[in-house]
Amino acid sequence: MALSEITRSGVSELFLDNSNNRVGLGTDLPADALHINNSSGDVAVRIQGNTRTYKLEQNNYGFRIYDVDASTERFRITAAGDLEASLAYSSLPAGTILQIVQSELTTIPSFASVTAFTDVGLSATITPKFSSSKVLVQVNAQMGNTVTPVNYGCRLLRGTTPVGNGVQTTGRQAFSHYEQNIGGTQYQLRPHVVNFFDSPATTSATTYKIQVAQNTSGATVYLNRPDNYSAAQANTRSTITLFEVAA
């Protein structure tokens, strides 16, 4: 039996079920301790304290927790059952990984008698969430070359700007990795490895890539394969991974 009931146009606005200790808002058949029903629209509950106000809201998109003071949705369960959360990245401690982007290359490009730096096709793009963030760049490129003695080097770029390389001096180019091959290594793959902590100072999409320069006539440098490419040899893959790190 209802202890009391407030109705409007024949619909219960407040219904107290004393027998089952339940309260109904918009329904006279509360199924739980508090049952809120709005058959014609969204439903929200406001929770207000002395420092913060939140809304628990159900709508056609699912269920969400909304921060009224910050005008920001903090958490949502979508109608499809997926979880979505809005994190306050700026409050995370320095060193927190905010996002990770990785690209890989499994093709086998080759570079013969290249004198200028040339893209190898290995790149990744990241859009930092904060201009203060750092980006940790990790590269693992597998390089092979002909048995002919060959000199070649690789460098890392952010966009068109070389970063994370050595210092260029008179007659010396700036590489992040350098090989001087004296011959006899046609069966080998050498890893070109980069670990560089960059400060891009931007929230725009930023691309990092690898280039190679090879200055020996008649020689060839490969990516993801050795020079000797018989059935006994193998293909590899090369990767570039970008970590946005909170500063």
Protein backbone atom coordinates (compact mmCIF):
# COMPACT_ATOMS: atom_id res chain seq x y z
CA MET A 1 0.00 0.00 0.00
CA ALA A 2 1.26 3.45 -0.82
CA LEU A 3 2.00 5.75 2.06
CA SER A 4 1.33 8.77 -0.13
CA GLU A 5 1.16 9.66 -3.81
CA ILE A 6 1.44 12.84 -5.83
CA THR A 7 0.01 12.64 -9.34
CA ARG A 8 -0.33 14.93 -12.35
CA SER A 9 -2.55 14.14 -15.35
CA GLY A 10 -3.02 10.66 -13.96
CA VAL A 11 0.72 9.92 -13.82
CA SER A 12 2.54 9.40 -10.55
CA GLU A 13 5.15 12.06 -9.92
CA LEU A 14 6.03 10.76 -6.46
CA PHE A 15 4.98 7.36 -5.19
CA LEU A 16 6.00 5.96 -1.80
CA ASP A 17 5.67 2.19 -1.49
CA ASN A 18 5.67 1.68 2.26
CA SER A 19 5.23 -2.07 1.97
CA ASN A 20 8.50 -2.57 0.08
CA ASN A 21 10.36 0.58 1.20
CA ARG A 22 10.57 1.91 -2.34
CA VAL A 23 10.23 5.33 -3.92
CA GLY A 24 8.96 5.89 -7.44
CA LEU A 25 9.46 9.09 -9.44
CA GLY A 26 7.34 9.00 -12.57
CA THR A 27 6.09 5.51 -11.79
CA ASP A 28 3.69 3.95 -9.28
CA LEU A 29 5.41 0.57 -9.62
CA PRO A 30 8.93 1.16 -8.28
CA ALA A 31 11.07 -1.92 -8.86
CA ASP A 32 14.00 -0.76 -6.71
CA ALA A 33 14.64 1.36 -3.63
CA LEU A 34 14.63 4.39 -5.96
CA HIS A 35 13.01 4.04 -9.37
CA ILE A 36 13.01 7.02 -11.75
CA ASN A 37 11.04 6.87 -14.96
CA ASN A 38 10.52 9.33 -17.79
CA SER A 39 8.85 7.61 -20.72
CA SER A 40 9.09 10.71 -22.92
CA GLY A 41 12.70 11.82 -22.46
CA ASP A 42 15.99 11.73 -20.58
CA VAL A 43 16.43 11.12 -16.87
CA ALA A 44 19.01 12.83 -14.64
CA VAL A 45 19.87 12.88 -10.95
CA ARG A 46 21.86 15.83 -9.59
CA ILE A 47 24.25 15.25 -6.71
CA GLN A 48 25.46 18.48 -5.16
CA GLY A 49 28.00 18.82 -2.40
CA ASN A 50 29.76 21.81 -0.89
CA THR A 51 32.59 21.70 -3.47
CA ARG A 52 31.31 19.83 -6.54
CA THR A 53 28.13 19.01 -8.43
CA TYR A 54 27.60 15.98 -10.65
CA LYS A 55 24.73 14.60 -12.71
CA LEU A 56 23.94 10.95 -13.29
CA GLU A 57 22.13 10.99 -16.59
CA GLN A 58 20.49 8.46 -18.90
CA ASN A 59 19.72 9.37 -22.49
CA ASN A 60 19.57 7.81 -25.95
CA TYR A 61 23.39 7.62 -26.01
CA GLY A 62 23.66 5.60 -22.81
CA PHE A 63 24.47 6.43 -19.19
CA ARG A 64 26.93 9.11 -18.15
CA ILE A 65 28.45 10.95 -15.20
CA TYR A 66 28.61 14.66 -15.95
CA ASP A 67 30.74 17.17 -14.03
CA VAL A 68 28.48 20.23 -13.82
CA ASP A 69 31.15 22.57 -12.44
CA ALA A 70 33.64 21.69 -15.19
CA SER A 71 30.95 21.32 -17.90
CA THR A 72 32.63 18.04 -18.80
CA GLU A 73 31.47 14.48 -19.25
CA ARG A 74 33.67 12.27 -17.06
CA PHE A 75 32.35 8.77 -17.80
CA ARG A 76 29.90 7.10 -20.16
CA ILE A 77 28.51 3.65 -20.80
CA THR A 78 27.27 3.81 -24.39
CA ALA A 79 24.09 2.21 -25.65
CA ALA A 80 26.32 -0.45 -27.22
CA GLY A 81 27.89 -1.25 -23.84
CA ASP A 82 31.28 0.42 -24.44
CA LEU A 83 33.05 2.35 -21.70
CA GLU A 84 34.31 5.87 -22.36
CA ALA A 85 36.14 8.06 -19.86
CA SER A 86 37.44 11.62 -19.89
CA LEU A 87 40.64 11.79 -17.83
CA ALA A 88 42.12 14.93 -16.39
CA TYR A 89 45.48 14.45 -18.08
CA SER A 90 46.85 17.67 -16.66
CA SER A 91 46.61 16.23 -13.15
CA LEU A 92 48.63 13.11 -13.95
CA PRO A 93 52.17 12.94 -12.53
CA ALA A 94 55.20 13.62 -14.70
CA GLY A 95 56.34 10.49 -16.51
CA THR A 96 52.82 9.17 -17.11
CA ILE A 97 52.34 7.66 -20.57
CA LEU A 98 49.42 9.52 -22.16
CA GLN A 99 49.28 7.66 -25.48
CA ILE A 100 51.30 5.29 -27.66
CA VAL A 101 51.47 5.24 -31.47
CA GLN A 102 53.33 2.61 -33.48
CA SER A 103 53.92 2.08 -37.18
CA GLU A 104 55.66 -0.84 -38.83
CA LEU A 105 57.20 -1.52 -42.21
CA THR A 106 57.35 -5.01 -43.68
CA THR A 107 58.19 -4.13 -47.28
CA ILE A 108 61.77 -4.36 -48.55
CA PRO A 109 62.94 -1.04 -50.00
CA SER A 110 66.48 -0.76 -51.37
CA PHE A 111 68.81 2.22 -51.81
CA ALA A 112 71.61 2.09 -54.38
CA SER A 113 74.29 4.79 -54.61
CA VAL A 114 72.13 7.34 -52.82
CA THR A 115 74.07 10.43 -51.85
CA ALA A 116 71.28 12.59 -50.38
CA PHE A 117 69.11 11.59 -47.44
CA THR A 118 66.07 9.62 -48.63
CA ASP A 119 62.93 8.53 -46.75
CA VAL A 120 62.93 4.79 -46.08
CA GLY A 121 59.14 4.64 -45.66
CA LEU A 122 59.18 4.20 -41.88
CA SER A 123 57.26 6.95 -40.05
CA ALA A 124 54.65 7.53 -37.34
CA THR A 125 52.43 10.49 -36.46
CA ILE A 126 51.30 11.54 -33.00
CA THR A 127 49.08 14.42 -31.85
CA PRO A 128 50.20 15.45 -28.36
CA LYS A 129 47.49 16.28 -25.86
CA PHE A 130 49.60 19.03 -24.28
CA SER A 131 52.27 21.34 -25.64
CA SER A 132 54.34 20.61 -22.53
CA SER A 133 54.45 16.87 -23.24
CA LYS A 134 57.59 15.01 -24.19
CA VAL A 135 57.69 12.36 -26.93
CA LEU A 136 59.85 9.28 -26.52
CA VAL A 137 60.83 8.01 -29.97
CA GLN A 138 61.95 4.39 -30.35
CA VAL A 139 63.12 3.09 -33.71
CA ASN A 140 64.18 -0.44 -34.60
CA ALA A 141 65.04 -0.59 -38.32
CA GLN A 142 66.67 -3.71 -39.72
CA MET A 143 69.32 -2.79 -42.31
CA GLY A 144 71.25 -5.01 -44.73
CA ASN A 145 73.82 -4.18 -47.40
CA THR A 146 75.77 -5.68 -50.30
CA VAL A 147 79.10 -7.41 -49.79
CA THR A 148 80.78 -4.47 -51.52
CA PRO A 149 82.36 -2.22 -48.87
CA VAL A 150 79.78 0.47 -48.22
CA ASN A 151 79.33 3.51 -45.99
CA TYR A 152 75.79 4.52 -45.04
CA GLY A 153 73.98 6.31 -42.26
CA CYS A 154 70.48 6.94 -40.97
CA ARG A 155 68.93 9.94 -39.28
CA LEU A 156 65.73 10.77 -37.39
CA LEU A 157 63.49 13.72 -38.30
CA ARG A 158 60.55 15.46 -36.70
CA GLY A 159 58.72 16.73 -39.76
CA THR A 160 61.57 18.20 -41.81
CA THR A 161 63.80 18.92 -38.80
CA PRO A 162 66.57 16.43 -37.90
CA VAL A 163 66.41 15.51 -34.19
CA GLY A 164 68.22 13.07 -31.93
CA ASN A 165 71.29 12.83 -34.15
CA GLY A 166 74.96 13.53 -33.64
CA VAL A 167 76.52 16.96 -34.06
CA GLN A 168 77.51 17.89 -37.63
CA THR A 169 81.03 19.25 -38.03
CA THR A 170 83.17 20.17 -41.03
CA GLY A 171 83.24 17.19 -43.37
CA ARG A 172 81.16 15.07 -40.95
CA GLN A 173 77.42 14.50 -41.31
CA ALA A 174 75.12 14.10 -38.33
CA PHE A 175 73.62 10.60 -38.08
CA SER A 176 71.64 8.75 -35.46
CA HIS A 177 73.30 5.54 -36.70
CA TYR A 178 76.32 4.90 -38.93
CA GLU A 179 77.78 1.81 -40.58
CA GLN A 180 81.15 1.38 -42.25
CA ASN A 181 81.15 -2.04 -43.81
CA ILE A 182 84.44 -3.63 -44.82
CA GLY A 183 82.79 -6.45 -46.77
CA GLY A 184 81.81 -10.03 -46.05
CA THR A 185 78.55 -9.20 -44.28
CA GLN A 186 76.05 -9.96 -47.03
CA TYR A 187 74.27 -12.44 -44.75
CA GLN A 188 73.78 -10.02 -41.89
CA LEU A 189 71.10 -7.58 -40.76
CA ARG A 190 72.13 -4.70 -38.55
CA PRO A 191 69.61 -3.02 -36.23
CA HIS A 192 69.35 0.75 -36.55
CA VAL A 193 68.16 1.66 -33.04
CA VAL A 194 67.07 5.09 -31.80
CA ASN A 195 65.91 6.09 -28.31
CA PHE A 196 65.31 9.83 -28.19
CA PHE A 197 63.33 11.99 -25.76
CA ASP A 198 61.96 14.91 -27.79
CA SER A 199 60.20 18.15 -26.83
CA PRO A 200 57.96 19.04 -29.81
CA ALA A 201 56.14 21.83 -27.88
CA THR A 202 52.94 21.48 -29.92
CA THR A 203 49.47 19.95 -29.88
CA SER A 204 49.40 19.57 -33.67
CA ALA A 205 49.92 16.30 -35.52
CA THR A 206 53.67 15.60 -35.54
CA THR A 207 55.41 13.05 -37.77
CA TYR A 208 58.70 11.31 -37.00
CA LYS A 209 60.55 9.41 -39.72
CA ILE A 210 63.83 7.79 -40.69
CA GLN A 211 66.03 8.66 -43.66
CA VAL A 212 69.10 6.91 -45.10
CA ALA A 213 72.12 8.24 -46.97
CA GLN A 214 74.43 5.85 -48.85
CA ASN A 215 77.49 7.16 -50.68
CA THR A 216 79.25 4.12 -52.10
CA SER A 217 79.04 3.62 -55.86
CA GLY A 218 77.84 0.14 -56.84
CA ALA A 219 76.59 -0.71 -53.36
CA THR A 220 73.04 -1.23 -52.15
CA VAL A 221 71.43 -0.85 -48.73
CA TYR A 222 68.24 -2.77 -47.87
CA LEU A 223 65.56 -2.54 -45.23
CA ASN A 224 64.16 -5.76 -43.70
CA ARG A 225 66.42 -8.15 -45.64
CA PRO A 226 70.11 -9.06 -46.03
CA ASP A 227 71.95 -8.77 -49.33
CA ASN A 228 72.12 -12.54 -49.70
CA TYR A 229 68.45 -13.37 -50.19
CA SER A 230 68.53 -17.11 -50.61
CA ALA A 231 65.93 -19.49 -49.23
CA ALA A 232 68.01 -19.85 -46.07
CA GLN A 233 67.57 -16.14 -45.24
CA ALA A 234 64.53 -14.34 -43.83
CA ASN A 235 62.42 -11.19 -43.95
CA THR A 236 62.13 -8.96 -40.90
CA ARG A 237 60.08 -5.94 -39.93
CA SER A 238 61.01 -2.46 -38.75
CA THR A 239 59.06 -0.34 -36.28
CA ILE A 240 58.85 3.21 -34.96
CA THR A 241 57.03 3.78 -31.67
CA LEU A 242 56.04 7.13 -30.17
CA PHE A 243 55.16 7.61 -26.49
CA GLU A 244 53.60 10.85 -25.29
CA VAL A 245 54.92 11.41 -21.76
CA ALA A 246 53.47 13.90 -19.28
CA ALA A 247 56.03 16.52 -18.27
